[in-house]
């Protein structure tokens, strides 16, 4: 299912929408356009003493699965500002990016997410908050099997391989 599936009327003027190419709807009444874009998100690999910080999700999708701290960018928000905001909200940590780890596309309910990942240095002691119900530190041989998103397994496997 795509983000525009089921859209029949324009959210601005309530008039019928029409297809305008693949993944694109147009309102002939008010001229608005809607695209099925991936939603931008950020996440952090917080490393300390050879271990990585993971949070157990408090919300759906994949409630109860382990997750890298992070979340969706707000409209117009710079990625590193969003990364800092999300880490403060979920863990209380102040962070400094160390290395950009890359991008990945994951499914998130009925949409796709473009995730931007960083290795970060964190200051302070983490406390679970916001979308996170529990935090835990994991070494390379202790990583949980039930990660929330497929790309996180890849990121964590690359991280674990670095230390060996």
N, C-alpha and C. Protein backbone atom coordinates (compact mmCIF):
# COMPACT_ATOMS: atom_id res chain seq x y z
N UNK A 1 0.84 -1.18 0.00
CA UNK A 1 0.00 0.00 0.00
C UNK A 1 0.89 1.24 0.00
N UNK A 2 0.52 2.23 -0.79
CA UNK A 2 1.26 3.47 -0.86
C UNK A 2 0.56 4.57 -0.09
N UNK A 3 1.27 5.63 0.17
CA UNK A 3 0.75 6.73 0.98
C UNK A 3 -0.47 7.39 0.34
N UNK A 4 -0.59 7.38 -0.97
CA UNK A 4 -1.74 8.02 -1.63
C UNK A 4 -2.88 7.05 -1.94
N UNK A 5 -2.70 5.77 -1.65
CA UNK A 5 -3.79 4.81 -1.88
C UNK A 5 -5.01 5.22 -1.08
N UNK A 6 -6.15 5.24 -1.72
CA UNK A 6 -7.38 5.61 -1.04
C UNK A 6 -7.70 7.09 -1.11
N UNK A 7 -6.78 7.91 -1.57
CA UNK A 7 -7.07 9.34 -1.69
C UNK A 7 -8.03 9.53 -2.86
N UNK A 8 -9.18 10.11 -2.60
CA UNK A 8 -10.19 10.34 -3.65
C UNK A 8 -10.50 11.83 -3.82
N UNK A 9 -10.40 12.59 -2.70
CA UNK A 9 -10.71 14.02 -2.77
C UNK A 9 -9.54 14.83 -2.25
N UNK A 10 -9.46 16.05 -2.72
CA UNK A 10 -8.40 16.97 -2.33
C UNK A 10 -8.58 17.39 -0.87
N UNK A 11 -7.54 17.27 -0.04
CA UNK A 11 -7.66 17.69 1.35
C UNK A 11 -7.79 19.22 1.51
N UNK A 12 -7.50 19.98 0.46
CA UNK A 12 -7.61 21.45 0.54
C UNK A 12 -8.98 21.96 0.15
N UNK A 13 -9.60 21.35 -0.88
CA UNK A 13 -10.87 21.90 -1.37
C UNK A 13 -11.99 20.87 -1.45
N UNK A 14 -11.71 19.60 -1.14
CA UNK A 14 -12.70 18.51 -1.12
C UNK A 14 -13.25 18.16 -2.50
N UNK A 15 -12.58 18.56 -3.55
CA UNK A 15 -13.00 18.18 -4.90
C UNK A 15 -12.26 16.91 -5.32
N UNK A 16 -12.81 16.15 -6.30
CA UNK A 16 -12.17 14.90 -6.73
C UNK A 16 -10.75 15.10 -7.27
N UNK A 17 -9.88 14.16 -6.92
CA UNK A 17 -8.50 14.15 -7.42
C UNK A 17 -8.43 13.30 -8.68
N UNK A 18 -7.42 13.55 -9.49
CA UNK A 18 -7.18 12.70 -10.66
C UNK A 18 -5.72 12.32 -10.73
N UNK A 19 -5.44 11.11 -11.27
CA UNK A 19 -4.04 10.68 -11.43
C UNK A 19 -3.31 11.64 -12.36
N UNK A 20 -2.04 11.84 -12.06
CA UNK A 20 -1.21 12.72 -12.88
C UNK A 20 0.18 12.10 -12.97
N UNK A 21 0.24 10.88 -13.47
CA UNK A 21 1.49 10.14 -13.54
C UNK A 21 1.60 9.19 -12.36
N UNK A 22 2.62 8.39 -12.37
CA UNK A 22 2.82 7.39 -11.32
C UNK A 22 3.16 8.04 -9.99
N UNK A 23 2.40 7.68 -8.94
CA UNK A 23 2.67 8.22 -7.61
C UNK A 23 2.39 9.70 -7.48
N UNK A 24 1.47 10.22 -8.27
CA UNK A 24 1.22 11.65 -8.30
C UNK A 24 -0.27 11.88 -8.55
N UNK A 25 -0.92 12.66 -7.69
CA UNK A 25 -2.31 13.05 -7.87
C UNK A 25 -2.39 14.56 -8.01
N UNK A 26 -3.42 15.00 -8.74
CA UNK A 26 -3.61 16.42 -8.99
C UNK A 26 -5.07 16.77 -8.78
N UNK A 27 -5.30 17.96 -8.24
CA UNK A 27 -6.67 18.47 -8.09
C UNK A 27 -6.92 19.47 -9.21
N UNK A 28 -7.84 19.16 -10.14
CA UNK A 28 -8.11 20.11 -11.22
C UNK A 28 -8.85 21.36 -10.74
N UNK A 29 -9.46 21.30 -9.57
CA UNK A 29 -10.20 22.47 -9.06
C UNK A 29 -9.30 23.55 -8.49
N UNK A 30 -8.40 23.16 -7.56
CA UNK A 30 -7.54 24.17 -6.92
C UNK A 30 -6.09 24.13 -7.38
N UNK A 31 -5.74 23.12 -8.18
CA UNK A 31 -4.39 23.04 -8.71
C UNK A 31 -3.36 22.40 -7.79
N UNK A 32 -3.79 21.87 -6.65
CA UNK A 32 -2.85 21.23 -5.74
C UNK A 32 -2.32 19.92 -6.32
N UNK A 33 -1.09 19.58 -5.97
CA UNK A 33 -0.44 18.35 -6.39
C UNK A 33 0.00 17.58 -5.15
N UNK A 34 -0.09 16.24 -5.24
CA UNK A 34 0.30 15.36 -4.14
C UNK A 34 1.14 14.23 -4.69
N UNK A 35 2.29 13.98 -4.06
CA UNK A 35 3.22 12.94 -4.49
C UNK A 35 3.35 11.87 -3.42
N UNK A 36 3.60 10.66 -3.86
CA UNK A 36 3.84 9.53 -2.95
C UNK A 36 5.34 9.46 -2.67
N UNK A 37 5.83 10.37 -1.85
CA UNK A 37 7.24 10.43 -1.48
C UNK A 37 7.51 9.61 -0.23
N UNK A 38 8.74 9.14 -0.11
CA UNK A 38 9.17 8.54 1.15
C UNK A 38 9.29 9.65 2.19
N UNK A 39 8.93 9.37 3.43
CA UNK A 39 9.02 10.34 4.52
C UNK A 39 10.43 10.34 5.10
N UNK A 40 11.05 11.51 5.28
CA UNK A 40 12.42 11.55 5.81
C UNK A 40 12.46 11.35 7.32
N UNK A 41 13.41 10.55 7.75
CA UNK A 41 13.60 10.27 9.18
C UNK A 41 15.10 10.18 9.46
N UNK A 42 15.44 10.30 10.74
CA UNK A 42 16.83 10.23 11.19
C UNK A 42 16.93 9.24 12.33
N UNK A 43 18.10 8.63 12.47
CA UNK A 43 18.34 7.72 13.59
C UNK A 43 19.82 7.74 13.94
N UNK A 44 20.09 7.38 15.20
CA UNK A 44 21.47 7.47 15.70
C UNK A 44 21.93 6.14 16.27
N UNK A 45 23.15 5.83 15.97
CA UNK A 45 23.84 4.72 16.60
C UNK A 45 24.70 5.37 17.69
N UNK A 46 24.22 5.30 18.92
CA UNK A 46 24.92 5.87 20.07
C UNK A 46 25.84 4.79 20.62
N UNK A 47 27.14 5.03 20.53
CA UNK A 47 28.12 4.04 20.97
C UNK A 47 28.84 4.55 22.21
N UNK A 48 29.01 3.63 23.19
CA UNK A 48 29.73 3.97 24.42
C UNK A 48 30.34 2.69 24.96
N UNK A 49 31.63 2.72 25.21
CA UNK A 49 32.34 1.58 25.81
C UNK A 49 32.11 0.28 25.04
N UNK A 50 32.11 0.36 23.72
CA UNK A 50 31.96 -0.84 22.89
C UNK A 50 30.55 -1.39 22.82
N UNK A 51 29.59 -0.60 23.25
CA UNK A 51 28.18 -1.03 23.23
C UNK A 51 27.35 0.03 22.52
N UNK A 52 26.19 -0.37 22.05
CA UNK A 52 25.30 0.53 21.34
C UNK A 52 23.98 0.64 22.11
N UNK A 53 23.39 1.84 22.09
CA UNK A 53 22.14 2.11 22.79
C UNK A 53 20.95 1.84 21.88
N UNK A 54 20.03 0.99 22.35
CA UNK A 54 18.80 0.70 21.62
C UNK A 54 17.61 1.00 22.51
N UNK A 55 16.49 1.35 21.89
CA UNK A 55 15.27 1.62 22.62
C UNK A 55 14.16 0.65 22.21
N UNK A 56 13.39 0.21 23.19
CA UNK A 56 12.23 -0.64 22.89
C UNK A 56 11.04 0.28 22.59
N UNK A 57 10.41 0.04 21.44
CA UNK A 57 9.32 0.90 20.96
C UNK A 57 8.08 0.82 21.86
N UNK A 58 7.54 2.00 22.18
CA UNK A 58 6.32 2.11 22.98
C UNK A 58 5.08 2.16 22.08
N UNK A 59 5.28 2.43 20.79
CA UNK A 59 4.16 2.64 19.87
C UNK A 59 4.24 1.71 18.67
N UNK A 60 3.11 1.60 17.96
CA UNK A 60 3.08 0.90 16.68
C UNK A 60 3.63 1.84 15.61
N UNK A 61 4.16 1.35 14.56
CA UNK A 61 4.29 -0.07 14.23
C UNK A 61 5.46 -0.71 14.98
N UNK A 62 5.33 -1.99 15.12
CA UNK A 62 6.34 -2.85 15.74
C UNK A 62 6.60 -2.51 17.21
N UNK A 63 5.52 -2.23 17.91
CA UNK A 63 5.62 -1.96 19.34
C UNK A 63 6.32 -3.13 20.03
N UNK A 64 7.22 -2.83 20.96
CA UNK A 64 7.96 -3.85 21.70
C UNK A 64 9.24 -4.30 21.04
N UNK A 65 9.46 -3.95 19.78
CA UNK A 65 10.71 -4.29 19.10
C UNK A 65 11.78 -3.27 19.46
N UNK A 66 13.03 -3.68 19.36
CA UNK A 66 14.15 -2.78 19.60
C UNK A 66 14.36 -1.90 18.38
N UNK A 67 14.86 -0.69 18.62
CA UNK A 67 14.93 0.35 17.59
C UNK A 67 16.14 1.23 17.88
N UNK A 68 16.71 1.80 16.84
CA UNK A 68 17.71 2.85 17.04
C UNK A 68 16.95 4.14 17.39
N UNK A 69 17.43 4.92 18.35
CA UNK A 69 16.74 6.16 18.68
C UNK A 69 16.70 7.09 17.47
N UNK A 70 15.57 7.74 17.29
CA UNK A 70 15.40 8.67 16.17
C UNK A 70 13.94 8.87 15.86
N UNK A 71 13.66 9.47 14.71
CA UNK A 71 12.27 9.70 14.33
C UNK A 71 12.17 10.53 13.07
N UNK A 72 10.94 10.95 12.78
CA UNK A 72 10.65 11.71 11.57
C UNK A 72 11.10 13.15 11.69
N UNK A 73 11.56 13.69 10.57
CA UNK A 73 11.88 15.11 10.51
C UNK A 73 10.59 15.91 10.43
N UNK A 74 10.61 17.08 11.04
CA UNK A 74 9.50 18.01 10.89
C UNK A 74 9.66 18.74 9.57
N UNK A 75 8.58 19.28 9.04
CA UNK A 75 8.64 19.97 7.76
C UNK A 75 9.68 21.09 7.80
N UNK A 76 10.62 21.07 6.84
CA UNK A 76 11.65 22.09 6.74
C UNK A 76 12.80 21.94 7.72
N UNK A 77 12.79 20.92 8.55
CA UNK A 77 13.83 20.75 9.56
C UNK A 77 15.10 20.16 8.94
N UNK A 78 16.24 20.72 9.29
CA UNK A 78 17.52 20.19 8.85
C UNK A 78 17.75 18.83 9.51
N UNK A 79 18.31 17.85 8.79
CA UNK A 79 18.48 16.51 9.36
C UNK A 79 19.24 16.45 10.68
N UNK A 80 20.35 17.17 10.82
CA UNK A 80 21.10 17.10 12.08
C UNK A 80 20.35 17.78 13.23
N UNK A 81 19.60 18.83 12.93
CA UNK A 81 18.76 19.46 13.96
C UNK A 81 17.69 18.48 14.40
N UNK A 82 17.10 17.76 13.45
CA UNK A 82 16.09 16.76 13.78
C UNK A 82 16.67 15.60 14.56
N UNK A 83 17.88 15.19 14.23
CA UNK A 83 18.55 14.12 14.96
C UNK A 83 18.77 14.53 16.42
N UNK A 84 19.26 15.74 16.62
CA UNK A 84 19.47 16.23 17.99
C UNK A 84 18.15 16.31 18.76
N UNK A 85 17.10 16.83 18.12
CA UNK A 85 15.79 16.95 18.75
C UNK A 85 15.24 15.58 19.13
N UNK A 86 15.28 14.63 18.20
CA UNK A 86 14.74 13.30 18.46
C UNK A 86 15.48 12.60 19.59
N UNK A 87 16.81 12.72 19.63
CA UNK A 87 17.57 12.07 20.70
C UNK A 87 17.29 12.70 22.06
N UNK A 88 17.11 14.02 22.09
CA UNK A 88 16.71 14.68 23.34
C UNK A 88 15.34 14.18 23.79
N UNK A 89 14.38 14.11 22.85
CA UNK A 89 13.02 13.68 23.19
C UNK A 89 12.97 12.24 23.69
N UNK A 90 13.69 11.35 23.04
CA UNK A 90 13.58 9.92 23.35
C UNK A 90 14.52 9.45 24.44
N UNK A 91 15.66 10.12 24.60
CA UNK A 91 16.68 9.63 25.55
C UNK A 91 17.19 10.68 26.53
N UNK A 92 16.90 11.96 26.27
CA UNK A 92 17.45 13.03 27.09
C UNK A 92 18.90 13.35 26.80
N UNK A 93 19.49 12.67 25.83
CA UNK A 93 20.92 12.85 25.53
C UNK A 93 21.16 14.03 24.60
N UNK A 94 22.25 14.72 24.84
CA UNK A 94 22.78 15.71 23.89
C UNK A 94 23.82 14.97 23.06
N UNK A 95 23.76 15.14 21.74
CA UNK A 95 24.64 14.35 20.87
C UNK A 95 25.45 15.24 19.94
N UNK A 96 26.55 14.67 19.46
CA UNK A 96 27.35 15.26 18.39
C UNK A 96 27.58 14.18 17.35
N UNK A 97 27.22 14.44 16.10
CA UNK A 97 27.47 13.47 15.04
C UNK A 97 28.97 13.23 14.87
N UNK A 98 29.32 11.96 14.66
CA UNK A 98 30.71 11.57 14.45
C UNK A 98 30.92 11.16 13.00
N UNK A 99 29.96 10.38 12.47
CA UNK A 99 30.12 9.83 11.12
C UNK A 99 28.74 9.55 10.52
N UNK A 100 28.55 9.95 9.26
CA UNK A 100 27.33 9.62 8.54
C UNK A 100 27.44 8.16 8.09
N UNK A 101 26.45 7.35 8.44
CA UNK A 101 26.49 5.92 8.14
C UNK A 101 25.74 5.54 6.86
N UNK A 102 24.89 6.42 6.37
CA UNK A 102 24.22 6.14 5.12
C UNK A 102 22.71 6.28 5.18
N UNK A 103 22.08 5.83 4.09
CA UNK A 103 20.63 5.93 3.94
C UNK A 103 20.04 4.55 3.70
N UNK A 104 18.76 4.42 3.98
CA UNK A 104 18.04 3.17 3.70
C UNK A 104 16.56 3.48 3.60
N UNK A 105 15.85 2.64 2.85
CA UNK A 105 14.39 2.74 2.73
C UNK A 105 13.78 1.59 3.52
N UNK A 106 12.83 1.91 4.40
CA UNK A 106 12.10 0.90 5.18
C UNK A 106 10.61 1.14 5.03
N UNK A 107 9.83 0.07 5.17
CA UNK A 107 8.37 0.19 5.24
C UNK A 107 7.98 0.58 6.66
N UNK A 108 7.02 1.48 6.77
CA UNK A 108 6.52 1.95 8.06
C UNK A 108 5.02 2.09 7.90
N UNK A 109 4.27 1.11 8.37
CA UNK A 109 2.82 1.06 8.16
C UNK A 109 2.52 1.15 6.67
N UNK A 110 1.80 2.20 6.25
CA UNK A 110 1.38 2.32 4.86
C UNK A 110 2.25 3.28 4.06
N UNK A 111 3.46 3.53 4.52
CA UNK A 111 4.34 4.44 3.81
C UNK A 111 5.77 3.91 3.81
N UNK A 112 6.59 4.54 3.00
CA UNK A 112 8.01 4.24 2.98
C UNK A 112 8.74 5.39 3.67
N UNK A 113 9.83 5.04 4.35
CA UNK A 113 10.63 6.02 5.08
C UNK A 113 12.05 6.00 4.52
N UNK A 114 12.57 7.18 4.25
CA UNK A 114 13.97 7.35 3.88
C UNK A 114 14.71 7.67 5.16
N UNK A 115 15.47 6.73 5.67
CA UNK A 115 16.18 6.90 6.93
C UNK A 115 17.61 7.34 6.70
N UNK A 116 18.02 8.35 7.46
CA UNK A 116 19.39 8.86 7.45
C UNK A 116 20.01 8.49 8.79
N UNK A 117 21.15 7.82 8.75
CA UNK A 117 21.74 7.28 9.98
C UNK A 117 23.12 7.85 10.26
N UNK A 118 23.36 8.14 11.55
CA UNK A 118 24.64 8.66 12.00
C UNK A 118 25.15 7.89 13.20
N UNK A 119 26.46 7.74 13.28
CA UNK A 119 27.14 7.35 14.51
C UNK A 119 27.33 8.65 15.28
N UNK A 120 26.97 8.65 16.57
CA UNK A 120 27.04 9.88 17.35
C UNK A 120 27.76 9.65 18.67
N UNK A 121 28.29 10.74 19.20
CA UNK A 121 28.83 10.78 20.57
C UNK A 121 27.75 11.43 21.42
N UNK A 122 27.46 10.83 22.57
CA UNK A 122 26.39 11.34 23.43
C UNK A 122 26.95 11.77 24.78
N UNK A 123 26.34 12.83 25.31
CA UNK A 123 26.70 13.35 26.63
C UNK A 123 25.51 13.12 27.56
N UNK A 124 25.79 12.55 28.73
CA UNK A 124 24.75 12.35 29.73
C UNK A 124 24.35 10.89 29.85
N UNK A 125 23.44 10.64 30.77
CA UNK A 125 22.91 9.29 30.97
C UNK A 125 21.51 9.22 30.35
N UNK A 126 21.28 8.23 29.51
CA UNK A 126 19.99 8.16 28.82
C UNK A 126 18.84 7.75 29.74
N UNK A 127 17.68 8.32 29.46
CA UNK A 127 16.43 7.99 30.15
C UNK A 127 15.35 7.81 29.09
N UNK A 128 14.66 6.68 29.11
CA UNK A 128 13.61 6.40 28.12
C UNK A 128 12.46 7.39 28.27
N UNK A 129 12.02 7.94 27.12
CA UNK A 129 10.91 8.89 27.12
C UNK A 129 10.28 8.88 25.74
N UNK A 130 9.18 9.60 25.59
CA UNK A 130 8.49 9.79 24.32
C UNK A 130 8.05 8.45 23.74
N UNK A 131 8.58 8.04 22.58
CA UNK A 131 8.17 6.81 21.90
C UNK A 131 8.90 5.57 22.40
N UNK A 132 9.80 5.73 23.37
CA UNK A 132 10.65 4.64 23.86
C UNK A 132 10.21 4.25 25.27
N UNK A 133 9.97 2.95 25.50
CA UNK A 133 9.56 2.51 26.84
C UNK A 133 10.73 1.95 27.67
N UNK A 134 11.82 1.59 27.00
CA UNK A 134 12.96 1.00 27.70
C UNK A 134 14.20 1.23 26.86
N UNK A 135 15.33 1.48 27.52
CA UNK A 135 16.61 1.62 26.85
C UNK A 135 17.54 0.52 27.32
N UNK A 136 18.44 0.10 26.45
CA UNK A 136 19.42 -0.90 26.82
C UNK A 136 20.69 -0.75 26.01
N UNK A 137 21.81 -1.11 26.62
CA UNK A 137 23.12 -1.10 25.96
C UNK A 137 23.44 -2.53 25.53
N UNK A 138 23.89 -2.70 24.29
CA UNK A 138 24.16 -4.02 23.73
C UNK A 138 25.53 -4.05 23.08
N UNK A 139 26.29 -5.10 23.38
CA UNK A 139 27.57 -5.33 22.73
C UNK A 139 27.36 -6.04 21.40
N UNK A 140 28.42 -6.16 20.60
CA UNK A 140 28.29 -6.81 19.29
C UNK A 140 27.69 -8.21 19.34
N UNK A 141 27.99 -9.00 20.35
CA UNK A 141 27.44 -10.35 20.44
C UNK A 141 26.12 -10.44 21.17
N UNK A 142 25.55 -9.32 21.57
CA UNK A 142 24.32 -9.29 22.37
C UNK A 142 23.14 -8.64 21.66
N UNK A 143 23.30 -8.31 20.40
CA UNK A 143 22.26 -7.56 19.67
C UNK A 143 20.96 -8.36 19.59
N UNK A 144 19.82 -7.72 19.85
CA UNK A 144 18.54 -8.43 19.81
C UNK A 144 18.15 -8.82 18.39
N UNK A 145 17.44 -9.91 18.26
CA UNK A 145 16.97 -10.38 16.95
C UNK A 145 15.78 -9.56 16.46
N UNK A 146 14.97 -9.06 17.38
CA UNK A 146 13.72 -8.40 17.01
C UNK A 146 13.87 -6.89 16.81
N UNK A 147 14.65 -6.48 15.83
CA UNK A 147 14.78 -5.06 15.51
C UNK A 147 13.53 -4.59 14.77
N UNK A 148 13.19 -3.33 14.96
CA UNK A 148 11.97 -2.77 14.40
C UNK A 148 11.99 -2.69 12.88
N UNK A 149 13.14 -2.41 12.30
CA UNK A 149 13.22 -2.18 10.86
C UNK A 149 14.41 -2.92 10.26
N UNK A 150 14.21 -3.46 9.09
CA UNK A 150 15.20 -4.32 8.44
C UNK A 150 16.55 -3.61 8.27
N UNK A 151 16.54 -2.36 7.88
CA UNK A 151 17.82 -1.67 7.63
C UNK A 151 18.66 -1.57 8.91
N UNK A 152 18.02 -1.60 10.07
CA UNK A 152 18.76 -1.50 11.32
C UNK A 152 19.62 -2.73 11.56
N UNK A 153 19.17 -3.87 11.11
CA UNK A 153 19.99 -5.09 11.22
C UNK A 153 21.29 -4.92 10.44
N UNK A 154 21.19 -4.32 9.26
CA UNK A 154 22.36 -4.09 8.42
C UNK A 154 23.32 -3.11 9.07
N UNK A 155 22.79 -2.00 9.58
CA UNK A 155 23.62 -0.99 10.25
C UNK A 155 24.33 -1.60 11.44
N UNK A 156 23.59 -2.36 12.26
CA UNK A 156 24.18 -2.95 13.45
C UNK A 156 25.19 -4.04 13.11
N UNK A 157 24.94 -4.80 12.05
CA UNK A 157 25.91 -5.83 11.62
C UNK A 157 27.22 -5.17 11.17
N UNK A 158 27.13 -4.05 10.44
CA UNK A 158 28.33 -3.32 10.02
C UNK A 158 29.07 -2.77 11.24
N UNK A 159 28.30 -2.24 12.20
CA UNK A 159 28.91 -1.72 13.43
C UNK A 159 29.62 -2.85 14.19
N UNK A 160 28.96 -3.98 14.35
CA UNK A 160 29.54 -5.10 15.08
C UNK A 160 30.81 -5.62 14.41
N UNK A 161 30.82 -5.62 13.06
CA UNK A 161 31.98 -6.11 12.33
C UNK A 161 33.19 -5.17 12.47
N UNK A 162 32.96 -3.90 12.71
CA UNK A 162 34.06 -2.93 12.86
C UNK A 162 34.95 -3.27 14.05
N UNK A 163 34.34 -3.75 15.12
CA UNK A 163 35.08 -3.98 16.36
C UNK A 163 35.85 -5.28 16.38
N UNK A 164 35.78 -6.04 15.32
CA UNK A 164 36.44 -7.36 15.31
C UNK A 164 37.66 -7.37 14.45
